PDB file of all heavy atoms in Angstrom:
ATOM      1  N   ASP A   1     117.543 120.541 106.117  1.00  0.00           N
ATOM      2  CA  ASP A   1     117.309 119.245 105.490  1.00  0.00           C
ATOM      3  C   ASP A   1     115.838 119.089 105.099  1.00  0.00           C
ATOM      4  O   ASP A   1     114.952 119.608 105.760  1.00  0.00           O
ATOM      5  CB  ASP A   1     117.559 118.172 106.521  1.00  0.00           C
ATOM      6  CG  ASP A   1     119.058 117.821 106.807  1.00  0.00           C
ATOM      7  OD1 ASP A   1     119.900 118.472 106.100  1.00  0.00           O
ATOM      8  OD2 ASP A   1     119.369 116.997 107.702  1.00  0.00           O
ATOM      9  N   GLN A   2     115.544 118.366 104.038  1.00  0.00           N
ATOM     10  CA  GLN A   2     114.205 118.251 103.579  1.00  0.00           C
ATOM     11  C   GLN A   2     113.790 116.814 103.510  1.00  0.00           C
ATOM     12  O   GLN A   2     114.683 115.925 103.114  1.00  0.00           O
ATOM     13  CB  GLN A   2     114.036 118.802 102.214  1.00  0.00           C
ATOM     14  CG  GLN A   2     114.212 120.425 102.254  1.00  0.00           C
ATOM     15  CD  GLN A   2     113.660 121.045 100.973  1.00  0.00           C
ATOM     16  OE1 GLN A   2     114.041 120.529  99.885  1.00  0.00           O
ATOM     17  NE2 GLN A   2     112.984 122.113 101.070  1.00  0.00           N
ATOM     18  N   ILE A   3     112.566 116.529 103.857  1.00  0.00           N
ATOM     19  CA  ILE A   3     112.023 115.172 103.839  1.00  0.00           C
ATOM     20  C   ILE A   3     110.901 115.299 102.762  1.00  0.00           C
ATOM     21  O   ILE A   3     110.042 116.107 102.822  1.00  0.00           O
ATOM     22  CB  ILE A   3     111.428 114.740 105.227  1.00  0.00           C
ATOM     23  CG1 ILE A   3     112.464 114.870 106.285  1.00  0.00           C
ATOM     24  CG2 ILE A   3     110.793 113.397 104.984  1.00  0.00           C
ATOM     25  CD1 ILE A   3     111.835 114.842 107.631  1.00  0.00           C
ATOM     26  N   ILE A   4     111.013 114.509 101.680  1.00  0.00           N
ATOM     27  CA  ILE A   4     110.035 114.452 100.661  1.00  0.00           C
ATOM     28  C   ILE A   4     109.209 113.265 100.785  1.00  0.00           C
ATOM     29  O   ILE A   4     109.763 112.117 100.858  1.00  0.00           O
ATOM     30  CB  ILE A   4     110.789 114.539  99.314  1.00  0.00           C
ATOM     31  CG1 ILE A   4     111.588 115.835  99.137  1.00  0.00           C
ATOM     32  CG2 ILE A   4     109.680 114.514  98.100  1.00  0.00           C
ATOM     33  CD1 ILE A   4     112.543 115.860  98.032  1.00  0.00           C
ATOM     34  N   ILE A   5     107.897 113.413 100.826  1.00  0.00           N
ATOM     35  CA  ILE A   5     106.960 112.290 101.166  1.00  0.00           C
ATOM     36  C   ILE A   5     105.848 112.144 100.166  1.00  0.00           C
ATOM     37  O   ILE A   5     105.327 113.092  99.665  1.00  0.00           O
ATOM     38  CB  ILE A   5     106.199 112.545 102.622  1.00  0.00           C
ATOM     39  CG1 ILE A   5     107.391 112.732 103.594  1.00  0.00           C
ATOM     40  CG2 ILE A   5     105.283 111.501 102.871  1.00  0.00           C
ATOM     41  CD1 ILE A   5     106.919 113.437 104.777  1.00  0.00           C
ATOM     42  N   THR A   6     105.703 110.893  99.711  1.00  0.00           N
ATOM     43  CA  THR A   6     104.557 110.577  98.862  1.00  0.00           C
ATOM     44  C   THR A   6     103.756 109.403  99.433  1.00  0.00           C
ATOM     45  O   THR A   6     104.208 108.670 100.045  1.00  0.00           O
ATOM     46  CB  THR A   6     104.909 110.281  97.466  1.00  0.00           C
ATOM     47  OG1 THR A   6     105.842 109.073  97.499  1.00  0.00           O
ATOM     48  CG2 THR A   6     105.673 111.492  96.732  1.00  0.00           C
ATOM     49  N   ALA A   7     102.319 109.487  99.166  1.00  0.00           N
ATOM     50  CA  ALA A   7     101.521 108.443  99.732  1.00  0.00           C
ATOM     51  C   ALA A   7     100.241 108.220  98.777  1.00  0.00           C
ATOM     52  O   ALA A   7      99.882 109.150  98.108  1.00  0.00           O
ATOM     53  CB  ALA A   7     100.998 108.775 101.072  1.00  0.00           C
ATOM     54  N   LYS A   8      99.647 107.071  98.954  1.00  0.00           N
ATOM     55  CA  LYS A   8      98.300 106.803  98.367  1.00  0.00           C
ATOM     56  C   LYS A   8      97.423 107.025  99.457  1.00  0.00           C
ATOM     57  O   LYS A   8      97.535 106.719 100.610  1.00  0.00           O
ATOM     58  CB  LYS A   8      98.193 105.377  97.875  1.00  0.00           C
ATOM     59  CG  LYS A   8      99.090 105.064  96.647  1.00  0.00           C
ATOM     60  CD  LYS A   8      98.995 103.727  96.200  1.00  0.00           C
ATOM     61  CE  LYS A   8      99.820 103.353  95.033  1.00  0.00           C
ATOM     62  NZ  LYS A   8      99.742 101.997  94.512  1.00  0.00           N
ATOM     63  N   LEU A   9      96.139 107.590  99.100  1.00  0.00           N
ATOM     64  CA  LEU A   9      95.080 107.855 100.051  1.00  0.00           C
ATOM     65  C   LEU A   9      93.946 106.860  99.754  1.00  0.00           C
ATOM     66  O   LEU A   9      93.652 106.476  98.691  1.00  0.00           O
ATOM     67  CB  LEU A   9      94.613 109.250  99.795  1.00  0.00           C
ATOM     68  CG  LEU A   9      95.605 110.415  99.876  1.00  0.00           C
ATOM     69  CD1 LEU A   9      94.992 111.682  99.523  1.00  0.00           C
ATOM     70  CD2 LEU A   9      96.200 110.449 101.275  1.00  0.00           C
ATOM     71  N   PHE A  10      93.309 106.534 100.917  1.00  0.00           N
ATOM     72  CA  PHE A  10      92.184 105.552 100.857  1.00  0.00           C
ATOM     73  C   PHE A  10      90.985 106.004 101.661  1.00  0.00           C
ATOM     74  O   PHE A  10      91.118 106.648 102.676  1.00  0.00           O
ATOM     75  CB  PHE A  10      92.654 104.229 101.403  1.00  0.00           C
ATOM     76  CG  PHE A  10      93.786 103.632 100.558  1.00  0.00           C
ATOM     77  CD1 PHE A  10      95.146 103.876 100.960  1.00  0.00           C
ATOM     78  CD2 PHE A  10      93.503 102.794  99.559  1.00  0.00           C
ATOM     79  CE1 PHE A  10      96.084 103.414 100.162  1.00  0.00           C
ATOM     80  CE2 PHE A  10      94.520 102.290  98.703  1.00  0.00           C
ATOM     81  CZ  PHE A  10      95.910 102.620  99.159  1.00  0.00           C
ATOM     82  N   ARG A  11      89.881 105.739 101.037  1.00  0.00           N
ATOM     83  CA  ARG A  11      88.584 105.944 101.779  1.00  0.00           C
ATOM     84  C   ARG A  11      87.862 104.606 101.864  1.00  0.00           C
ATOM     85  O   ARG A  11      87.603 103.960 100.833  1.00  0.00           O
ATOM     86  CB  ARG A  11      87.752 107.029 101.032  1.00  0.00           C
ATOM     87  CG  ARG A  11      86.462 107.204 101.691  1.00  0.00           C
ATOM     88  CD  ARG A  11      85.623 108.109 100.814  1.00  0.00           C
ATOM     89  NE  ARG A  11      84.240 107.769 100.979  1.00  0.00           N
ATOM     90  CZ  ARG A  11      83.239 107.886 100.057  1.00  0.00           C
ATOM     91  NH1 ARG A  11      83.601 108.433  98.807  1.00  0.00           N
ATOM     92  NH2 ARG A  11      82.064 107.579 100.175  1.00  0.00           N
ATOM     93  N   ASN A  12      87.485 104.123 103.095  1.00  0.00           N
ATOM     94  CA  ASN A  12      86.872 102.866 103.186  1.00  0.00           C
ATOM     95  C   ASN A  12      87.602 101.786 102.596  1.00  0.00           C
ATOM     96  O   ASN A  12      86.997 100.851 101.856  1.00  0.00           O
ATOM     97  CB  ASN A  12      85.446 102.940 102.731  1.00  0.00           C
ATOM     98  CG  ASN A  12      84.594 103.914 103.604  1.00  0.00           C
ATOM     99  OD1 ASN A  12      84.822 104.090 104.771  1.00  0.00           O
ATOM    100  ND2 ASN A  12      83.618 104.609 102.920  1.00  0.00           N
ATOM    101  N   GLY A  13      88.906 101.802 102.459  1.00  0.00           N
ATOM    102  CA  GLY A  13      89.840 100.766 101.913  1.00  0.00           C
ATOM    103  C   GLY A  13      89.809 100.812 100.455  1.00  0.00           C
ATOM    104  O   GLY A  13      90.576 100.083  99.740  1.00  0.00           O
ATOM    105  N   ARG A  14      89.297 101.884  99.765  1.00  0.00           N
ATOM    106  CA  ARG A  14      89.430 102.115  98.259  1.00  0.00           C
ATOM    107  C   ARG A  14      90.259 103.246  98.108  1.00  0.00           C
ATOM    108  O   ARG A  14      90.267 104.193  98.726  1.00  0.00           O
ATOM    109  CB  ARG A  14      87.982 102.223  97.695  1.00  0.00           C
ATOM    110  CG  ARG A  14      87.121 101.088  97.943  1.00  0.00           C
ATOM    111  CD  ARG A  14      85.757 101.374  97.288  1.00  0.00           C
ATOM    112  NE  ARG A  14      85.335 100.071  96.769  1.00  0.00           N
ATOM    113  CZ  ARG A  14      84.518  99.934  95.753  1.00  0.00           C
ATOM    114  NH1 ARG A  14      84.063 100.954  95.058  1.00  0.00           N
ATOM    115  NH2 ARG A  14      84.317  98.725  95.291  1.00  0.00           N
ATOM    116  N   SER A  15      91.001 103.042  96.928  1.00  0.00           N
ATOM    117  CA  SER A  15      91.973 104.179  96.511  1.00  0.00           C
ATOM    118  C   SER A  15      91.077 105.466  96.286  1.00  0.00           C
ATOM    119  O   SER A  15      90.057 105.417  95.709  1.00  0.00           O
ATOM    120  CB  SER A  15      92.619 103.636  95.158  1.00  0.00           C
ATOM    121  OG  SER A  15      93.469 104.656  94.714  1.00  0.00           O
ATOM    122  N   TYR A  16      91.664 106.497  96.783  1.00  0.00           N
ATOM    123  CA  TYR A  16      90.933 107.768  96.632  1.00  0.00           C
ATOM    124  C   TYR A  16      91.908 109.095  96.360  1.00  0.00           C
ATOM    125  O   TYR A  16      91.506 110.192  96.641  1.00  0.00           O
ATOM    126  CB  TYR A  16      90.137 108.091  97.997  1.00  0.00           C
ATOM    127  CG  TYR A  16      89.053 109.055  97.685  1.00  0.00           C
ATOM    128  CD1 TYR A  16      87.884 108.731  97.062  1.00  0.00           C
ATOM    129  CD2 TYR A  16      89.233 110.354  98.171  1.00  0.00           C
ATOM    130  CE1 TYR A  16      86.905 109.618  96.844  1.00  0.00           C
ATOM    131  CE2 TYR A  16      88.208 111.415  97.915  1.00  0.00           C
ATOM    132  CZ  TYR A  16      87.025 110.944  97.281  1.00  0.00           C
ATOM    133  OH  TYR A  16      86.006 111.876  97.073  1.00  0.00           O
ATOM    134  N   GLY A  17      93.051 108.791  95.935  1.00  0.00           N
ATOM    135  CA  GLY A  17      93.853 109.953  95.530  1.00  0.00           C
ATOM    136  C   GLY A  17      95.367 109.697  96.016  1.00  0.00           C
ATOM    137  O   GLY A  17      95.731 108.607  96.418  1.00  0.00           O
ATOM    138  N   THR A  18      96.101 110.760  95.925  1.00  0.00           N
ATOM    139  CA  THR A  18      97.465 110.737  96.305  1.00  0.00           C
ATOM    140  C   THR A  18      97.871 111.964  97.163  1.00  0.00           C
ATOM    141  O   THR A  18      97.103 112.939  97.220  1.00  0.00           O
ATOM    142  CB  THR A  18      98.494 110.701  95.023  1.00  0.00           C
ATOM    143  OG1 THR A  18      98.150 111.847  94.258  1.00  0.00           O
ATOM    144  CG2 THR A  18      98.211 109.439  94.253  1.00  0.00           C
ATOM    145  N   GLU A  19      99.050 111.947  97.724  1.00  0.00           N
ATOM    146  CA  GLU A  19      99.494 113.002  98.551  1.00  0.00           C
ATOM    147  C   GLU A  19     101.020 113.194  98.255  1.00  0.00           C
ATOM    148  O   GLU A  19     101.771 112.295  98.031  1.00  0.00           O
ATOM    149  CB  GLU A  19      99.295 112.805 100.043  1.00  0.00           C
ATOM    150  CG  GLU A  19      99.915 113.919 100.898  1.00  0.00           C
ATOM    151  CD  GLU A  19     100.002 113.482 102.381  1.00  0.00           C
ATOM    152  OE1 GLU A  19      99.987 112.465 102.629  1.00  0.00           O
ATOM    153  OE2 GLU A  19     100.098 114.559 103.059  1.00  0.00           O
ATOM    154  N   ALA A  20     101.408 114.454  98.253  1.00  0.00           N
ATOM    155  CA  ALA A  20     102.857 114.729  98.294  1.00  0.00           C
ATOM    156  C   ALA A  20     103.108 115.883  99.197  1.00  0.00           C
ATOM    157  O   ALA A  20     102.300 116.765  99.360  1.00  0.00           O
ATOM    158  CB  ALA A  20     103.315 115.163  96.776  1.00  0.00           C
ATOM    159  N   ALA A  21     104.197 115.827  99.908  1.00  0.00           N
ATOM    160  CA  ALA A  21     104.635 116.861 100.852  1.00  0.00           C
ATOM    161  C   ALA A  21     106.142 117.033 100.922  1.00  0.00           C
ATOM    162  O   ALA A  21     106.879 116.114 100.668  1.00  0.00           O
ATOM    163  CB  ALA A  21     104.083 116.410 102.212  1.00  0.00           C
ATOM    164  N   VAL A  22     106.502 118.206 101.332  1.00  0.00           N
ATOM    165  CA  VAL A  22     107.897 118.495 101.668  1.00  0.00           C
ATOM    166  C   VAL A  22     107.984 119.043 103.017  1.00  0.00           C
ATOM    167  O   VAL A  22     107.261 120.016 103.298  1.00  0.00           O
ATOM    168  CB  VAL A  22     108.492 119.551 100.590  1.00  0.00           C
ATOM    169  CG1 VAL A  22     109.969 119.888 100.925  1.00  0.00           C
ATOM    170  CG2 VAL A  22     108.389 119.000  99.230  1.00  0.00           C
ATOM    171  N   CYS A  23     108.765 118.530 103.898  1.00  0.00           N
ATOM    172  CA  CYS A  23     108.981 118.987 105.178  1.00  0.00           C
ATOM    173  C   CYS A  23     110.488 119.448 105.409  1.00  0.00           C
ATOM    174  O   CYS A  23     111.416 118.732 104.825  1.00  0.00           O
ATOM    175  CB  CYS A  23     108.799 117.878 106.253  1.00  0.00           C
ATOM    176  SG  CYS A  23     107.133 117.339 106.299  1.00  0.00           S
ATOM    177  N   THR A  24     110.658 120.731 105.841  1.00  0.00           N
ATOM    178  CA  THR A  24     112.012 121.267 105.905  1.00  0.00           C
ATOM    179  C   THR A  24     112.328 121.503 107.487  1.00  0.00           C
ATOM    180  O   THR A  24     111.569 122.006 108.186  1.00  0.00           O
ATOM    181  CB  THR A  24     112.050 122.653 105.259  1.00  0.00           C
ATOM    182  OG1 THR A  24     111.662 122.547 103.945  1.00  0.00           O
ATOM    183  CG2 THR A  24     113.474 123.362 105.336  1.00  0.00           C
ATOM    184  N   ARG A  25     113.492 121.054 107.925  1.00  0.00           N
ATOM    185  CA  ARG A  25     113.924 121.129 109.216  1.00  0.00           C
ATOM    186  C   ARG A  25     114.218 122.572 109.512  1.00  0.00           C
ATOM    187  O   ARG A  25     115.060 123.116 108.815  1.00  0.00           O
ATOM    188  CB  ARG A  25     115.105 120.267 109.599  1.00  0.00           C
ATOM    189  CG  ARG A  25     115.416 120.201 111.082  1.00  0.00           C
ATOM    190  CD  ARG A  25     116.405 119.049 111.344  1.00  0.00           C
ATOM    191  NE  ARG A  25     115.883 117.772 110.986  1.00  0.00           N
ATOM    192  CZ  ARG A  25     115.043 117.097 111.592  1.00  0.00           C
ATOM    193  NH1 ARG A  25     114.370 117.568 112.665  1.00  0.00           N
ATOM    194  NH2 ARG A  25     114.750 115.801 111.087  1.00  0.00           N
ATOM    195  N   VAL A  26     113.519 123.240 110.406  1.00  0.00           N
ATOM    196  CA  VAL A  26     113.731 124.610 110.677  1.00  0.00           C
ATOM    197  C   VAL A  26     114.419 124.863 112.035  1.00  0.00           C
ATOM    198  O   VAL A  26     114.699 125.980 112.462  1.00  0.00           O
ATOM    199  CB  VAL A  26     112.464 125.513 110.583  1.00  0.00           C
ATOM    200  CG1 VAL A  26     111.994 125.401 109.214  1.00  0.00           C
ATOM    201  CG2 VAL A  26     111.368 124.931 111.549  1.00  0.00           C
ATOM    202  N   ALA A  27     114.487 123.932 112.903  1.00  0.00           N
ATOM    203  CA  ALA A  27     115.176 123.808 114.212  1.00  0.00           C
ATOM    204  C   ALA A  27     115.535 122.385 114.463  1.00  0.00           C
ATOM    205  O   ALA A  27     115.029 121.502 113.754  1.00  0.00           O
ATOM    206  CB  ALA A  27     114.224 124.386 115.299  1.00  0.00           C
ATOM    207  N   PRO A  28     116.318 122.111 115.486  1.00  0.00           N
ATOM    208  CA  PRO A  28     116.834 120.722 115.574  1.00  0.00           C
ATOM    209  C   PRO A  28     115.837 119.662 115.775  1.00  0.00           C
ATOM    210  O   PRO A  28     115.990 118.552 115.179  1.00  0.00           O
ATOM    211  CB  PRO A  28     117.667 120.814 116.942  1.00  0.00           C
ATOM    212  CG  PRO A  28     118.194 122.137 117.025  1.00  0.00           C
ATOM    213  CD  PRO A  28     117.022 123.106 116.397  1.00  0.00           C
ATOM    214  N   ALA A  29     114.589 119.944 116.331  1.00  0.00           N
ATOM    215  CA  ALA A  29     113.553 119.026 116.445  1.00  0.00           C
ATOM    216  C   ALA A  29     112.249 119.471 115.818  1.00  0.00           C
ATOM    217  O   ALA A  29     111.132 118.904 116.097  1.00  0.00           O
ATOM    218  CB  ALA A  29     113.320 118.578 117.857  1.00  0.00           C
ATOM    219  N   THR A  30     112.297 120.526 114.835  1.00  0.00           N
ATOM    220  CA  THR A  30     111.101 121.096 114.278  1.00  0.00           C
ATOM    221  C   THR A  30     111.147 121.031 112.906  1.00  0.00           C
ATOM    222  O   THR A  30     112.083 121.378 112.216  1.00  0.00           O
ATOM    223  CB  THR A  30     110.952 122.547 114.888  1.00  0.00           C
ATOM    224  OG1 THR A  30     110.953 122.567 116.302  1.00  0.00           O
ATOM    225  CG2 THR A  30     109.690 123.150 114.354  1.00  0.00           C
ATOM    226  N   THR A  31     110.002 120.668 112.295  1.00  0.00           N
ATOM    227  CA  THR A  31     109.840 120.714 110.791  1.00  0.00           C
ATOM    228  C   THR A  31     108.688 121.551 110.324  1.00  0.00           C
ATOM    229  O   THR A  31     107.621 121.639 111.089  1.00  0.00           O
ATOM    230  CB  THR A  31     109.688 119.250 110.122  1.00  0.00           C
ATOM    231  OG1 THR A  31     108.582 118.612 110.776  1.00  0.00           O
ATOM    232  CG2 THR A  31     110.981 118.515 110.384  1.00  0.00           C
ATOM    233  N   HIS A  32     108.777 122.236 109.288  1.00  0.00           N
ATOM    234  CA  HIS A  32     107.679 122.922 108.672  1.00  0.00           C
ATOM    235  C   HIS A  32     107.308 122.217 107.366  1.00  0.00           C
ATOM    236  O   HIS A  32     108.178 121.975 106.531  1.00  0.00           O
ATOM    237  CB  HIS A  32     108.102 124.267 108.249  1.00  0.00           C
ATOM    238  CG  HIS A  32     107.036 125.153 107.596  1.00  0.00           C
ATOM    239  ND1 HIS A  32     107.001 125.441 106.257  1.00  0.00           N
ATOM    240  CD2 HIS A  32     105.832 125.657 108.139  1.00  0.00           C
ATOM    241  CE1 HIS A  32     105.823 125.947 105.956  1.00  0.00           C
ATOM    242  NE2 HIS A  32     105.214 126.239 106.997  1.00  0.00           N
ATOM    243  N   CYS A  33     106.059 121.664 107.330  1.00  0.00           N
ATOM    244  CA  CYS A  33     105.587 120.908 106.184  1.00  0.00           C
ATOM    245  C   CYS A  33     104.600 121.490 105.380  1.00  0.00           C
ATOM    246  O   CYS A  33     103.655 122.226 105.913  1.00  0.00           O
ATOM    247  CB  CYS A  33     105.139 119.503 106.735  1.00  0.00           C
ATOM    248  SG  CYS A  33     106.381 118.520 107.739  1.00  0.00           S
ATOM    249  N   VAL A  34     104.618 121.392 104.128  1.00  0.00           N
ATOM    250  CA  VAL A  34     103.600 121.794 103.201  1.00  0.00           C
ATOM    251  C   VAL A  34     103.261 120.611 102.272  1.00  0.00           C
ATOM    252  O   VAL A  34     104.093 119.935 101.907  1.00  0.00           O
ATOM    253  CB  VAL A  34     103.971 123.088 102.374  1.00  0.00           C
ATOM    254  CG1 VAL A  34     104.110 124.234 103.245  1.00  0.00           C
ATOM    255  CG2 VAL A  34     105.159 122.844 101.595  1.00  0.00           C
ATOM    256  N   GLY A  35     101.948 120.467 101.947  1.00  0.00           N
ATOM    257  CA  GLY A  35     101.676 119.298 101.152  1.00  0.00           C
ATOM    258  C   GLY A  35     100.395 119.638 100.336  1.00  0.00           C
ATOM    259  O   GLY A  35      99.643 120.525 100.474  1.00  0.00           O
ATOM    260  N   THR A  36     100.053 118.576  99.453  1.00  0.00           N
ATOM    261  CA  THR A  36      99.005 118.668  98.495  1.00  0.00           C
ATOM    262  C   THR A  36      98.309 117.323  98.517  1.00  0.00           C
ATOM    263  O   THR A  36      98.900 116.260  98.337  1.00  0.00           O
ATOM    264  CB  THR A  36      99.284 119.139  97.203  1.00  0.00           C
ATOM    265  OG1 THR A  36      99.906 120.401  97.171  1.00  0.00           O
ATOM    266  CG2 THR A  36      98.048 119.216  96.264  1.00  0.00           C
ATOM    267  N   PHE A  37      96.925 117.259  98.699  1.00  0.00           N
ATOM    268  CA  PHE A  37      96.103 116.115  98.438  1.00  0.00           C
ATOM    269  C   PHE A  37      95.580 116.193  97.068  1.00  0.00           C
ATOM    270  O   PHE A  37      94.886 117.200  96.790  1.00  0.00           O
ATOM    271  CB  PHE A  37      95.046 115.943  99.529  1.00  0.00           C
ATOM    272  CG  PHE A  37      95.577 115.915 100.933  1.00  0.00           C
ATOM    273  CD1 PHE A  37      95.199 116.972 101.746  1.00  0.00           C
ATOM    274  CD2 PHE A  37      96.317 114.944 101.404  1.00  0.00           C
ATOM    275  CE1 PHE A  37      95.579 117.044 103.049  1.00  0.00           C
ATOM    276  CE2 PHE A  37      96.785 114.923 102.741  1.00  0.00           C
ATOM    277  CZ  PHE A  37      96.378 116.056 103.495  1.00  0.00           C
ATOM    278  N   SER A  38      95.813 115.278  96.245  1.00  0.00           N
ATOM    279  CA  SER A  38      95.122 115.229  94.897  1.00  0.00           C
ATOM    280  C   SER A  38      94.027 114.168  94.953  1.00  0.00           C
ATOM    281  O   SER A  38      94.213 112.927  95.123  1.00  0.00           O
ATOM    282  CB  SER A  38      96.067 114.779  93.837  1.00  0.00           C
ATOM    283  OG  SER A  38      95.510 114.894  92.565  1.00  0.00           O
ATOM    284  N   LEU A  39      92.839 114.698  94.909  1.00  0.00           N
ATOM    285  CA  LEU A  39      91.534 113.794  95.160  1.00  0.00           C
ATOM    286  C   LEU A  39      90.828 113.822  93.807  1.00  0.00           C
ATOM    287  O   LEU A  39      90.911 114.745  92.952  1.00  0.00           O
ATOM    288  CB  LEU A  39      90.687 114.464  96.234  1.00  0.00           C
ATOM    289  CG  LEU A  39      91.461 114.633  97.478  1.00  0.00           C
ATOM    290  CD1 LEU A  39      90.525 115.275  98.576  1.00  0.00           C
ATOM    291  CD2 LEU A  39      91.984 113.281  98.041  1.00  0.00           C
ATOM    292  N   PRO A  40      89.822 112.976  93.672  1.00  0.00           N
ATOM    293  CA  PRO A  40      89.047 112.846  92.428  1.00  0.00           C
ATOM    294  C   PRO A  40      88.315 114.212  91.996  1.00  0.00           C
ATOM    295  O   PRO A  40      88.130 114.499  90.717  1.00  0.00           O
ATOM    296  CB  PRO A  40      87.971 111.836  92.678  1.00  0.00           C
ATOM    297  CG  PRO A  40      88.610 110.963  93.744  1.00  0.00           C
ATOM    298  CD  PRO A  40      89.470 111.879  94.630  1.00  0.00           C
ATOM    299  N   LEU A  41      87.944 115.020  93.073  1.00  0.00           N
ATOM    300  CA  LEU A  41      87.067 116.202  92.647  1.00  0.00           C
ATOM    301  C   LEU A  41      88.004 117.554  92.861  1.00  0.00           C
ATOM    302  O   LEU A  41      87.416 118.644  92.923  1.00  0.00           O
ATOM    303  CB  LEU A  41      85.926 116.311  93.485  1.00  0.00           C
ATOM    304  CG  LEU A  41      84.888 115.100  93.159  1.00  0.00           C
ATOM    305  CD1 LEU A  41      83.706 115.110  94.185  1.00  0.00           C
ATOM    306  CD2 LEU A  41      84.494 115.035  91.792  1.00  0.00           C
TER     307      LEU A  41
END
């Protein structure tokens, strides 16, 4: 099973980028997640 996650990122309450991740269930209670933070720089 996969969990696809997206989020907005904030620094000091101000918008600072986005995040996307995919977590795959590899055991009954274990997930392996990989993600990327997209930041201004």
